Amino acid sequence: MELWYTEQHTENVRFSIKVEKELHTEQTEFQRIDVLEAKEFGKFFTLDGLMMITEKDEFIYHEMIVHVAMATNLNAKKILVIGAGDGGTIRELAKYDTIEKIDMVEIDKRVVDICKEYFPQTACKLDDPRVNIVYEDGLKFVRNKENEYDLIIVDSTDPFGPGEGLFTKEFYGNCFKALKEDGILVNQHESPYYDNDARAMKDAHEKIVGVFPIIKVYQLHIPTYPSGHWLFGFASKKYHPIRDLNAEAWNKLNIKTKYYNTELHVGCFALPNYVKEMLRGLTE
């Protein structure tokens, strides 16, 4: 008998991976967590049946959500990460010796516990002394912050369930307030490809427009996410992600990456026409 993990991407499209082993299943206060193992992608975990990370391709997501902003402002010292219970975003941030403090806010402690057990590849820096983990709703946490962070990374799930509040205009406004005068916000921006995902992407983008003076969208390719075509949002009070990129200084750091580089940094902001059409009138 064969066991397959299948995710419904649309009413007419499904994505499947042949599973070798079921490693863990539980229902937490917030969501169902499953850890599985496959020959092609290694161990992977899902929340409420939706793919979060695989050992094989997680580096793409985590490198791109971190290094684009950091290479734009290498002076960022205090970081807020919302979500990111698997630890991959923290792992990438920990590569910068100049970062002094990372506050990580995760709503579900069990995600962190399970990833520490099954995904040391991503969770390896969660015990870094600069990391302060708070188990709380990110929406509530950021309400009480003002002029505190150089960079906020919203490494959230999709805009429903536990992650729904992280796609609201109130949340983005509170992030703006929590950032210093030259702060940057990077957020998980969904996919532009399938209709439902594209609506969620456009809705999230519309809520950021008008909050930040500089708003850009950049793209990456993640094989195990719906359509493979994924977007992140870059919103900033001061820094432009291309004009203010200090490629020479970043390259001198000799940070080891498998996906990100400073040439790709510039290129990822060049969007396909169908995405530009969706965002027309909503960007600077």
Foldseek 3Di string as FASTA:
>chain_A
DWDKQWDDLDPPDIDIATFDDWDDWDQDPFWIKTWTAGPVFGIFMDTNSHTDDTNRFVQQVQCVLAPLVCLLPVQWAEEEEEACLLQQVVVNVVLRPNHQAYEYEHQDVVSNVVSVVVPCVRNVCCVPPRYDYHHHQPQVVLQPAAQAGQEYEYSADACDGSRVVCLALSSLLSVLRNHHQWHKYKYFQFFCPDDVRVVSNLSSLLSNQPRAPAKAKFWDAGPRHNVRITIMIMGTNDTDSLVSRPQVVVVVSVRDGDHDHVVVSVVRRDDDPVVCVSCPPRGD
